[in-house]
Amino acid sequence: MTTLFSSQTAQLSTLEVSNADALAGDLFHRSFHTDIPDFPKHFVFLATIAPGISLTLGYLHYTRKQSIYLCGGMCVNTRVLRYLSKTQRQDIKQQGGVAMIMATSSLQQLTGHEAVFAHVGHTGSYRICMAKNFIDTQYDHLIVNWQEPVIDERKQELIEQANQYVPF
C-alpha cells in the first residue's frame, strides 16, 4: 500500500489488489452499469478515516497487452469525500483532485512497458490524462503516454494494437 496523503484524521492510500470486487465492485457497477473486470491490474484508492475503517474513494484498472497497458474504468466515490474534513478535501483539490491523484499514483507503479493507452470520452478524464503527458492519437478518444523512447514506426504499431481493444 502506498500512502498518498495523511493527516490527523484521515489517510489516502493506493492499493494494488488481485481482485477488486469486494472493495470497488459496487462503485464500478454504479459508474459503468457492468461488473468490475475479473483480471489484473486493479488499483483501489482508500480513505482511512479511523483505525481499522477504510472506505473506497476510487478505482482504476489497467490491462496488460504485451508491452502496453490499457487504462480504463476510473471511477470516484464522491460519497466518501463527505467523510473527509474540509481541510482534507482542500488538500486533495490542491493536488488536482481524486482522479489526478489516482492517475499519478497508479502510473508510477507500472513497470516494464512501452506505453499506456487510455480510451476517454469524458472531458474531465481527458484533461487529467493530458496533464499526465498523454497525447492524442489519430483515433477518436484513444490517447497514449509513451513510457520509453519509441521510434515512429513502432509507435504506429502500438497505436494499432491498442485500437483493436477499443473501448476498454
N, C-alpha and C. Protein backbone atom coordinates (compact mmCIF):
# COMPACT_ATOMS: atom_id res chain seq x y z
N MET A 1 0.86 -1.17 0.00
CA MET A 1 0.00 0.00 0.00
C MET A 1 0.90 1.22 0.00
N THR A 2 0.57 2.21 -0.83
CA THR A 2 1.30 3.46 -0.91
C THR A 2 0.46 4.56 -0.31
N THR A 3 1.01 5.26 0.68
CA THR A 3 0.29 6.38 1.28
C THR A 3 0.47 7.60 0.41
N LEU A 4 -0.63 8.22 0.02
CA LEU A 4 -0.62 9.38 -0.85
C LEU A 4 -0.84 10.67 -0.08
N PHE A 5 -1.56 10.59 1.00
CA PHE A 5 -1.96 11.77 1.75
C PHE A 5 -2.26 11.31 3.17
N SER A 6 -1.79 12.06 4.15
CA SER A 6 -2.06 11.67 5.52
C SER A 6 -2.24 12.90 6.38
N SER A 7 -3.21 12.85 7.29
CA SER A 7 -3.43 13.93 8.25
C SER A 7 -3.80 13.28 9.57
N GLN A 8 -4.16 14.08 10.54
CA GLN A 8 -4.52 13.54 11.85
C GLN A 8 -5.76 12.65 11.78
N THR A 9 -6.66 12.93 10.88
CA THR A 9 -7.94 12.21 10.90
C THR A 9 -8.19 11.31 9.69
N ALA A 10 -7.36 11.39 8.67
CA ALA A 10 -7.59 10.53 7.51
C ALA A 10 -6.29 10.30 6.76
N GLN A 11 -6.27 9.18 6.06
CA GLN A 11 -5.13 8.84 5.22
C GLN A 11 -5.66 8.37 3.88
N LEU A 12 -5.06 8.82 2.81
CA LEU A 12 -5.44 8.40 1.46
C LEU A 12 -4.33 7.52 0.93
N SER A 13 -4.69 6.30 0.51
CA SER A 13 -3.70 5.33 0.06
C SER A 13 -4.15 4.66 -1.22
N THR A 14 -3.18 4.14 -1.96
CA THR A 14 -3.48 3.33 -3.13
C THR A 14 -3.02 1.92 -2.85
N LEU A 15 -3.82 0.98 -3.30
CA LEU A 15 -3.56 -0.43 -3.04
C LEU A 15 -3.80 -1.21 -4.33
N GLU A 16 -2.79 -1.95 -4.77
CA GLU A 16 -3.00 -2.84 -5.91
C GLU A 16 -3.49 -4.18 -5.36
N VAL A 17 -4.59 -4.65 -5.91
CA VAL A 17 -5.18 -5.91 -5.45
C VAL A 17 -5.40 -6.84 -6.65
N SER A 18 -5.41 -8.14 -6.39
CA SER A 18 -5.64 -9.10 -7.48
C SER A 18 -7.12 -9.22 -7.83
N ASN A 19 -7.99 -8.96 -6.86
CA ASN A 19 -9.42 -9.00 -7.09
C ASN A 19 -10.03 -7.79 -6.38
N ALA A 20 -10.64 -6.90 -7.13
CA ALA A 20 -11.16 -5.65 -6.56
C ALA A 20 -12.66 -5.68 -6.30
N ASP A 21 -13.30 -6.80 -6.52
CA ASP A 21 -14.75 -6.85 -6.42
C ASP A 21 -15.25 -6.43 -5.03
N ALA A 22 -14.65 -6.95 -3.99
CA ALA A 22 -15.13 -6.64 -2.63
C ALA A 22 -14.93 -5.17 -2.28
N LEU A 23 -13.83 -4.58 -2.75
CA LEU A 23 -13.53 -3.19 -2.39
C LEU A 23 -14.17 -2.17 -3.32
N ALA A 24 -14.28 -2.51 -4.61
CA ALA A 24 -14.72 -1.50 -5.57
C ALA A 24 -15.80 -1.97 -6.53
N GLY A 25 -16.30 -3.19 -6.37
CA GLY A 25 -17.30 -3.72 -7.29
C GLY A 25 -18.57 -2.89 -7.36
N ASP A 26 -19.09 -2.47 -6.21
CA ASP A 26 -20.32 -1.65 -6.20
C ASP A 26 -20.09 -0.30 -6.86
N LEU A 27 -18.96 0.33 -6.55
CA LEU A 27 -18.63 1.63 -7.15
C LEU A 27 -18.52 1.50 -8.66
N PHE A 28 -17.83 0.47 -9.13
CA PHE A 28 -17.67 0.26 -10.57
C PHE A 28 -19.03 0.03 -11.23
N HIS A 29 -19.87 -0.77 -10.61
CA HIS A 29 -21.19 -1.06 -11.17
C HIS A 29 -22.05 0.20 -11.24
N ARG A 30 -22.00 1.04 -10.19
CA ARG A 30 -22.75 2.30 -10.21
C ARG A 30 -22.25 3.22 -11.33
N SER A 31 -20.96 3.19 -11.59
CA SER A 31 -20.37 4.08 -12.59
C SER A 31 -20.56 3.59 -14.02
N PHE A 32 -20.45 2.27 -14.24
CA PHE A 32 -20.43 1.74 -15.60
C PHE A 32 -21.56 0.75 -15.90
N HIS A 33 -22.40 0.43 -14.93
CA HIS A 33 -23.54 -0.47 -15.11
C HIS A 33 -23.12 -1.84 -15.64
N THR A 34 -21.96 -2.29 -15.18
CA THR A 34 -21.46 -3.62 -15.51
C THR A 34 -20.55 -4.08 -14.38
N ASP A 35 -20.19 -5.35 -14.42
CA ASP A 35 -19.32 -5.89 -13.38
C ASP A 35 -17.88 -5.42 -13.56
N ILE A 36 -17.19 -5.32 -12.45
CA ILE A 36 -15.78 -4.93 -12.46
C ILE A 36 -14.98 -6.02 -13.18
N PRO A 37 -13.93 -5.67 -13.92
CA PRO A 37 -13.13 -6.71 -14.59
C PRO A 37 -12.62 -7.74 -13.58
N ASP A 38 -12.51 -8.98 -14.05
CA ASP A 38 -12.06 -10.05 -13.16
C ASP A 38 -10.61 -10.45 -13.43
N PHE A 39 -9.84 -9.53 -14.01
CA PHE A 39 -8.42 -9.77 -14.30
C PHE A 39 -7.63 -8.52 -13.94
N PRO A 40 -6.33 -8.68 -13.65
CA PRO A 40 -5.50 -7.55 -13.17
C PRO A 40 -5.24 -6.53 -14.27
N LYS A 41 -4.84 -5.39 -13.89
CA LYS A 41 -4.33 -4.77 -12.69
C LYS A 41 -5.39 -3.87 -12.10
N HIS A 42 -5.66 -4.04 -10.83
CA HIS A 42 -6.65 -3.23 -10.12
C HIS A 42 -5.94 -2.32 -9.13
N PHE A 43 -6.29 -1.04 -9.16
CA PHE A 43 -5.82 -0.10 -8.16
C PHE A 43 -7.04 0.47 -7.44
N VAL A 44 -7.06 0.28 -6.13
CA VAL A 44 -8.15 0.79 -5.30
C VAL A 44 -7.57 1.90 -4.44
N PHE A 45 -8.32 2.98 -4.32
CA PHE A 45 -7.89 4.15 -3.56
C PHE A 45 -8.75 4.25 -2.32
N LEU A 46 -8.10 4.17 -1.19
CA LEU A 46 -8.79 4.08 0.09
C LEU A 46 -8.60 5.32 0.93
N ALA A 47 -9.65 5.72 1.61
CA ALA A 47 -9.59 6.77 2.61
C ALA A 47 -9.77 6.09 3.96
N THR A 48 -8.72 6.07 4.76
CA THR A 48 -8.81 5.50 6.11
C THR A 48 -9.22 6.63 7.03
N ILE A 49 -10.43 6.54 7.56
CA ILE A 49 -10.99 7.65 8.34
C ILE A 49 -10.87 7.42 9.84
N ALA A 50 -10.55 6.20 10.23
CA ALA A 50 -10.33 5.86 11.64
C ALA A 50 -9.55 4.55 11.65
N PRO A 51 -8.87 4.24 12.74
CA PRO A 51 -8.14 2.96 12.78
C PRO A 51 -9.07 1.79 12.44
N GLY A 52 -8.68 1.05 11.41
CA GLY A 52 -9.47 -0.11 11.01
C GLY A 52 -10.67 0.19 10.14
N ILE A 53 -10.89 1.47 9.81
CA ILE A 53 -12.04 1.85 8.97
C ILE A 53 -11.53 2.55 7.71
N SER A 54 -11.58 1.82 6.59
CA SER A 54 -11.19 2.37 5.30
C SER A 54 -12.38 2.31 4.36
N LEU A 55 -12.56 3.38 3.61
CA LEU A 55 -13.64 3.46 2.63
C LEU A 55 -13.03 3.61 1.24
N THR A 56 -13.67 3.00 0.25
CA THR A 56 -13.17 3.09 -1.12
C THR A 56 -13.50 4.45 -1.71
N LEU A 57 -12.46 5.19 -2.04
CA LEU A 57 -12.60 6.52 -2.63
C LEU A 57 -12.58 6.46 -4.15
N GLY A 58 -11.87 5.48 -4.72
CA GLY A 58 -11.81 5.40 -6.16
C GLY A 58 -11.22 4.09 -6.64
N TYR A 59 -11.27 3.92 -7.96
CA TYR A 59 -10.82 2.69 -8.59
C TYR A 59 -10.30 3.01 -9.98
N LEU A 60 -9.28 2.26 -10.41
CA LEU A 60 -8.72 2.40 -11.75
C LEU A 60 -8.17 1.04 -12.17
N HIS A 61 -8.36 0.69 -13.44
CA HIS A 61 -7.96 -0.63 -13.95
C HIS A 61 -6.99 -0.47 -15.12
N TYR A 62 -6.01 -1.38 -15.16
CA TYR A 62 -5.08 -1.46 -16.29
C TYR A 62 -5.06 -2.90 -16.79
N THR A 63 -5.11 -3.06 -18.11
CA THR A 63 -4.99 -4.36 -18.74
C THR A 63 -3.66 -4.41 -19.47
N ARG A 64 -2.86 -5.42 -19.19
CA ARG A 64 -1.56 -5.59 -19.85
C ARG A 64 -1.78 -6.34 -21.16
N LYS A 65 -1.27 -5.78 -22.25
CA LYS A 65 -1.29 -6.43 -23.56
C LYS A 65 0.12 -6.31 -24.13
N GLN A 66 0.88 -7.37 -24.03
CA GLN A 66 2.27 -7.41 -24.46
C GLN A 66 3.05 -6.26 -23.80
N SER A 67 3.51 -5.28 -24.56
CA SER A 67 4.35 -4.23 -23.98
C SER A 67 3.59 -2.93 -23.70
N ILE A 68 2.26 -3.01 -23.67
CA ILE A 68 1.47 -1.81 -23.38
C ILE A 68 0.46 -2.11 -22.28
N TYR A 69 -0.03 -1.04 -21.68
CA TYR A 69 -1.15 -1.12 -20.75
C TYR A 69 -2.32 -0.35 -21.34
N LEU A 70 -3.52 -0.88 -21.13
CA LEU A 70 -4.76 -0.20 -21.48
C LEU A 70 -5.39 0.25 -20.17
N CYS A 71 -5.62 1.54 -20.05
CA CYS A 71 -6.13 2.12 -18.81
C CYS A 71 -7.61 2.45 -18.97
N GLY A 72 -8.40 2.07 -17.98
CA GLY A 72 -9.82 2.39 -18.05
C GLY A 72 -10.52 2.13 -16.73
N GLY A 73 -11.79 2.40 -16.71
CA GLY A 73 -12.60 2.10 -15.54
C GLY A 73 -12.40 3.03 -14.37
N MET A 74 -11.88 4.23 -14.61
CA MET A 74 -11.68 5.15 -13.49
C MET A 74 -13.03 5.59 -12.95
N CYS A 75 -13.18 5.48 -11.65
CA CYS A 75 -14.39 5.98 -11.00
C CYS A 75 -14.05 6.49 -9.61
N VAL A 76 -14.76 7.53 -9.21
CA VAL A 76 -14.54 8.19 -7.92
C VAL A 76 -15.82 8.11 -7.11
N ASN A 77 -15.68 7.75 -5.86
CA ASN A 77 -16.81 7.67 -4.94
C ASN A 77 -16.93 9.00 -4.21
N THR A 78 -17.71 9.92 -4.75
CA THR A 78 -17.83 11.25 -4.15
C THR A 78 -18.49 11.20 -2.78
N ARG A 79 -19.22 10.13 -2.51
CA ARG A 79 -19.86 9.98 -1.19
C ARG A 79 -18.81 9.92 -0.08
N VAL A 80 -17.68 9.29 -0.35
CA VAL A 80 -16.63 9.15 0.66
C VAL A 80 -15.99 10.50 0.96
N LEU A 81 -15.96 11.39 -0.01
CA LEU A 81 -15.39 12.72 0.24
C LEU A 81 -16.08 13.43 1.39
N ARG A 82 -17.34 13.13 1.60
CA ARG A 82 -18.10 13.77 2.69
C ARG A 82 -17.56 13.39 4.07
N TYR A 83 -16.88 12.27 4.16
CA TYR A 83 -16.31 11.83 5.44
C TYR A 83 -15.00 12.54 5.77
N LEU A 84 -14.44 13.21 4.78
CA LEU A 84 -13.18 13.92 4.99
C LEU A 84 -13.45 15.34 5.45
N SER A 85 -12.51 15.89 6.18
CA SER A 85 -12.67 17.26 6.66
C SER A 85 -12.51 18.24 5.49
N LYS A 86 -12.94 19.45 5.72
CA LYS A 86 -12.81 20.49 4.70
C LYS A 86 -11.34 20.68 4.33
N THR A 87 -10.47 20.65 5.32
CA THR A 87 -9.03 20.81 5.07
C THR A 87 -8.51 19.67 4.21
N GLN A 88 -8.93 18.45 4.49
CA GLN A 88 -8.50 17.30 3.70
C GLN A 88 -9.00 17.40 2.26
N ARG A 89 -10.24 17.80 2.11
CA ARG A 89 -10.78 17.97 0.75
C ARG A 89 -10.02 19.06 0.00
N GLN A 90 -9.65 20.13 0.69
CA GLN A 90 -8.87 21.20 0.06
C GLN A 90 -7.49 20.70 -0.34
N ASP A 91 -6.87 19.89 0.52
CA ASP A 91 -5.56 19.31 0.18
C ASP A 91 -5.65 18.44 -1.07
N ILE A 92 -6.70 17.64 -1.15
CA ILE A 92 -6.90 16.80 -2.33
C ILE A 92 -7.11 17.67 -3.56
N LYS A 93 -7.89 18.71 -3.43
CA LYS A 93 -8.14 19.62 -4.55
C LYS A 93 -6.85 20.28 -5.00
N GLN A 94 -5.98 20.68 -4.07
CA GLN A 94 -4.71 21.31 -4.42
C GLN A 94 -3.80 20.36 -5.19
N GLN A 95 -3.97 19.07 -4.98
CA GLN A 95 -3.18 18.07 -5.70
C GLN A 95 -3.83 17.70 -7.04
N GLY A 96 -4.91 18.37 -7.40
CA GLY A 96 -5.56 18.14 -8.67
C GLY A 96 -6.83 17.32 -8.59
N GLY A 97 -7.19 16.88 -7.40
CA GLY A 97 -8.41 16.10 -7.22
C GLY A 97 -8.13 14.61 -7.13
N VAL A 98 -9.14 13.88 -6.75
CA VAL A 98 -9.00 12.43 -6.55
C VAL A 98 -8.54 11.74 -7.83
N ALA A 99 -9.14 12.05 -8.95
CA ALA A 99 -8.79 11.38 -10.21
C ALA A 99 -7.34 11.65 -10.59
N MET A 100 -6.87 12.87 -10.38
CA MET A 100 -5.48 13.20 -10.70
C MET A 100 -4.53 12.42 -9.79
N ILE A 101 -4.86 12.36 -8.51
CA ILE A 101 -4.03 11.61 -7.57
C ILE A 101 -4.01 10.12 -7.95
N MET A 102 -5.16 9.58 -8.32
CA MET A 102 -5.23 8.17 -8.73
C MET A 102 -4.37 7.92 -9.96
N ALA A 103 -4.48 8.79 -10.96
CA ALA A 103 -3.71 8.61 -12.19
C ALA A 103 -2.22 8.68 -11.90
N THR A 104 -1.81 9.67 -11.12
CA THR A 104 -0.39 9.83 -10.80
C THR A 104 0.15 8.61 -10.07
N SER A 105 -0.54 8.21 -9.04
CA SER A 105 -0.08 7.09 -8.21
C SER A 105 -0.01 5.79 -9.00
N SER A 106 -1.03 5.49 -9.75
CA SER A 106 -1.06 4.21 -10.46
C SER A 106 -0.05 4.18 -11.60
N LEU A 107 0.11 5.27 -12.33
CA LEU A 107 1.10 5.31 -13.42
C LEU A 107 2.50 5.07 -12.88
N GLN A 108 2.80 5.60 -11.70
CA GLN A 108 4.12 5.42 -11.10
C GLN A 108 4.39 3.97 -10.74
N GLN A 109 3.37 3.18 -10.56
CA GLN A 109 3.55 1.79 -10.14
C GLN A 109 3.64 0.80 -11.30
N LEU A 110 3.40 1.27 -12.52
CA LEU A 110 3.50 0.39 -13.68
C LEU A 110 4.96 0.30 -14.13
N THR A 111 5.40 -0.88 -14.51
CA THR A 111 6.79 -1.06 -14.94
C THR A 111 6.86 -1.95 -16.18
N GLY A 112 7.98 -1.84 -16.89
CA GLY A 112 8.28 -2.76 -17.98
C GLY A 112 7.36 -2.66 -19.17
N HIS A 113 7.05 -1.46 -19.62
CA HIS A 113 6.14 -1.30 -20.75
C HIS A 113 6.58 -0.11 -21.60
N GLU A 114 6.13 -0.10 -22.85
CA GLU A 114 6.47 0.98 -23.77
C GLU A 114 5.48 2.13 -23.70
N ALA A 115 4.22 1.82 -23.39
CA ALA A 115 3.20 2.87 -23.44
C ALA A 115 1.99 2.49 -22.60
N VAL A 116 1.26 3.52 -22.20
CA VAL A 116 -0.04 3.36 -21.56
C VAL A 116 -1.06 4.05 -22.45
N PHE A 117 -2.11 3.33 -22.80
CA PHE A 117 -3.18 3.89 -23.61
C PHE A 117 -4.43 4.05 -22.76
N ALA A 118 -5.19 5.07 -23.07
CA ALA A 118 -6.49 5.28 -22.43
C ALA A 118 -7.51 5.59 -23.51
N HIS A 119 -8.73 5.16 -23.28
CA HIS A 119 -9.84 5.47 -24.18
C HIS A 119 -10.81 6.31 -23.38
N VAL A 120 -10.83 7.61 -23.67
CA VAL A 120 -11.59 8.54 -22.83
C VAL A 120 -12.61 9.31 -23.66
N GLY A 121 -13.81 9.39 -23.11
CA GLY A 121 -14.85 10.20 -23.71
C GLY A 121 -15.28 11.32 -22.79
N HIS A 122 -14.95 11.19 -21.53
CA HIS A 122 -15.32 12.17 -20.51
C HIS A 122 -14.30 13.31 -20.52
N THR A 123 -14.77 14.55 -20.65
CA THR A 123 -13.89 15.71 -20.76
C THR A 123 -12.95 15.83 -19.57
N GLY A 124 -13.46 15.61 -18.37
CA GLY A 124 -12.63 15.70 -17.18
C GLY A 124 -11.51 14.67 -17.18
N SER A 125 -11.83 13.45 -17.56
CA SER A 125 -10.81 12.39 -17.64
C SER A 125 -9.77 12.73 -18.69
N TYR A 126 -10.22 13.27 -19.80
CA TYR A 126 -9.30 13.66 -20.87
C TYR A 126 -8.31 14.71 -20.36
N ARG A 127 -8.80 15.72 -19.66
CA ARG A 127 -7.92 16.77 -19.13
C ARG A 127 -6.90 16.20 -18.14
N ILE A 128 -7.35 15.30 -17.31
CA ILE A 128 -6.43 14.68 -16.35
C ILE A 128 -5.34 13.91 -17.08
N CYS A 129 -5.73 13.13 -18.07
CA CYS A 129 -4.74 12.38 -18.84
C CYS A 129 -3.76 13.30 -19.56
N MET A 130 -4.26 14.37 -20.12
CA MET A 130 -3.38 15.32 -20.80
C MET A 130 -2.37 15.93 -19.82
N ALA A 131 -2.80 16.17 -18.60
CA ALA A 131 -1.90 16.71 -17.57
C ALA A 131 -0.84 15.68 -17.17
N LYS A 132 -1.09 14.40 -17.43
CA LYS A 132 -0.14 13.33 -17.11
C LYS A 132 0.65 12.93 -18.36
N ASN A 133 0.76 13.84 -19.32
CA ASN A 133 1.59 13.66 -20.53
C ASN A 133 1.05 12.65 -21.54
N PHE A 134 -0.24 12.42 -21.52
CA PHE A 134 -0.84 11.66 -22.61
C PHE A 134 -0.95 12.58 -23.81
N ILE A 135 -0.97 12.00 -25.00
CA ILE A 135 -1.16 12.77 -26.23
C ILE A 135 -2.22 12.07 -27.08
N ASP A 136 -2.82 12.83 -27.97
CA ASP A 136 -3.83 12.28 -28.86
C ASP A 136 -3.20 11.34 -29.89
N THR A 137 -3.98 10.36 -30.34
CA THR A 137 -3.62 9.54 -31.49
C THR A 137 -4.56 9.95 -32.62
N GLN A 138 -4.45 9.29 -33.75
CA GLN A 138 -5.33 9.61 -34.87
C GLN A 138 -6.75 9.07 -34.66
N TYR A 139 -6.96 8.27 -33.62
CA TYR A 139 -8.26 7.69 -33.36
C TYR A 139 -9.01 8.48 -32.29
N ASP A 140 -10.31 8.67 -32.52
CA ASP A 140 -11.14 9.39 -31.55
C ASP A 140 -11.06 8.72 -30.19
N HIS A 141 -10.83 9.52 -29.18
CA HIS A 141 -10.83 9.11 -27.77
C HIS A 141 -9.65 8.24 -27.35
N LEU A 142 -8.80 7.81 -28.28
CA LEU A 142 -7.64 6.98 -27.93
C LEU A 142 -6.42 7.88 -27.74
N ILE A 143 -5.88 7.85 -26.53
CA ILE A 143 -4.72 8.68 -26.21
C ILE A 143 -3.62 7.78 -25.66
N VAL A 144 -2.39 8.30 -25.66
CA VAL A 144 -1.24 7.48 -25.28
C VAL A 144 -0.25 8.29 -24.44
N ASN A 145 0.41 7.59 -23.54
CA ASN A 145 1.51 8.13 -22.75
C ASN A 145 2.70 7.22 -23.03
N TRP A 146 3.68 7.74 -23.79
CA TRP A 146 4.86 6.95 -24.14
C TRP A 146 5.76 6.87 -22.92
N GLN A 147 6.14 5.67 -22.54
CA GLN A 147 6.97 5.46 -21.35
C GLN A 147 8.44 5.35 -21.66
N GLU A 148 8.76 5.06 -22.89
CA GLU A 148 10.14 4.92 -23.33
C GLU A 148 10.26 5.62 -24.68
N PRO A 149 11.49 5.97 -25.07
CA PRO A 149 11.66 6.47 -26.43
C PRO A 149 11.29 5.36 -27.42
N VAL A 150 10.39 5.67 -28.33
CA VAL A 150 9.90 4.69 -29.29
C VAL A 150 9.96 5.32 -30.67
N ILE A 151 10.52 4.58 -31.64
CA ILE A 151 10.58 5.13 -33.00
C ILE A 151 9.18 5.22 -33.58
N ASP A 152 9.01 6.11 -34.55
CA ASP A 152 7.68 6.39 -35.10
C ASP A 152 6.99 5.14 -35.65
N GLU A 153 7.72 4.29 -36.35
CA GLU A 153 7.11 3.08 -36.91
C GLU A 153 6.55 2.19 -35.79
N ARG A 154 7.32 2.04 -34.72
CA ARG A 154 6.87 1.23 -33.58
C ARG A 154 5.68 1.89 -32.89
N LYS A 155 5.71 3.22 -32.78
CA LYS A 155 4.58 3.92 -32.18
C LYS A 155 3.29 3.58 -32.91
N GLN A 156 3.35 3.61 -34.24
CA GLN A 156 2.15 3.33 -35.02
C GLN A 156 1.68 1.90 -34.82
N GLU A 157 2.62 0.95 -34.72
CA GLU A 157 2.25 -0.45 -34.45
C GLU A 157 1.52 -0.56 -33.11
N LEU A 158 2.04 0.12 -32.10
CA LEU A 158 1.43 0.05 -30.77
C LEU A 158 0.07 0.73 -30.74
N ILE A 159 -0.07 1.83 -31.46
CA ILE A 159 -1.37 2.51 -31.55
C ILE A 159 -2.39 1.59 -32.21
N GLU A 160 -2.00 0.93 -33.28
CA GLU A 160 -2.92 0.00 -33.96
C GLU A 160 -3.28 -1.16 -33.03
N GLN A 161 -2.30 -1.65 -32.28
CA GLN A 161 -2.57 -2.73 -31.33
C GLN A 161 -3.59 -2.29 -30.30
N ALA A 162 -3.40 -1.12 -29.71
CA ALA A 162 -4.33 -0.62 -28.69
C ALA A 162 -5.71 -0.39 -29.27
N ASN A 163 -5.77 0.12 -30.49
CA ASN A 163 -7.05 0.43 -31.10
C ASN A 163 -7.91 -0.82 -31.33
N GLN A 164 -7.28 -1.98 -31.41
CA GLN A 164 -8.03 -3.24 -31.56
C GLN A 164 -8.95 -3.51 -30.38
N TYR A 165 -8.62 -2.95 -29.22
CA TYR A 165 -9.35 -3.26 -27.99
C TYR A 165 -10.37 -2.20 -27.60
N VAL A 166 -10.48 -1.15 -28.38
CA VAL A 166 -11.40 -0.06 -28.07
C VAL A 166 -12.83 -0.57 -28.10
N PRO A 167 -13.69 -0.17 -27.19
CA PRO A 167 -13.38 0.59 -25.98
C PRO A 167 -12.88 -0.33 -24.87
N PHE A 168 -12.07 0.24 -24.00
CA PHE A 168 -11.58 -0.52 -22.85
C PHE A 168 -11.66 0.34 -21.61
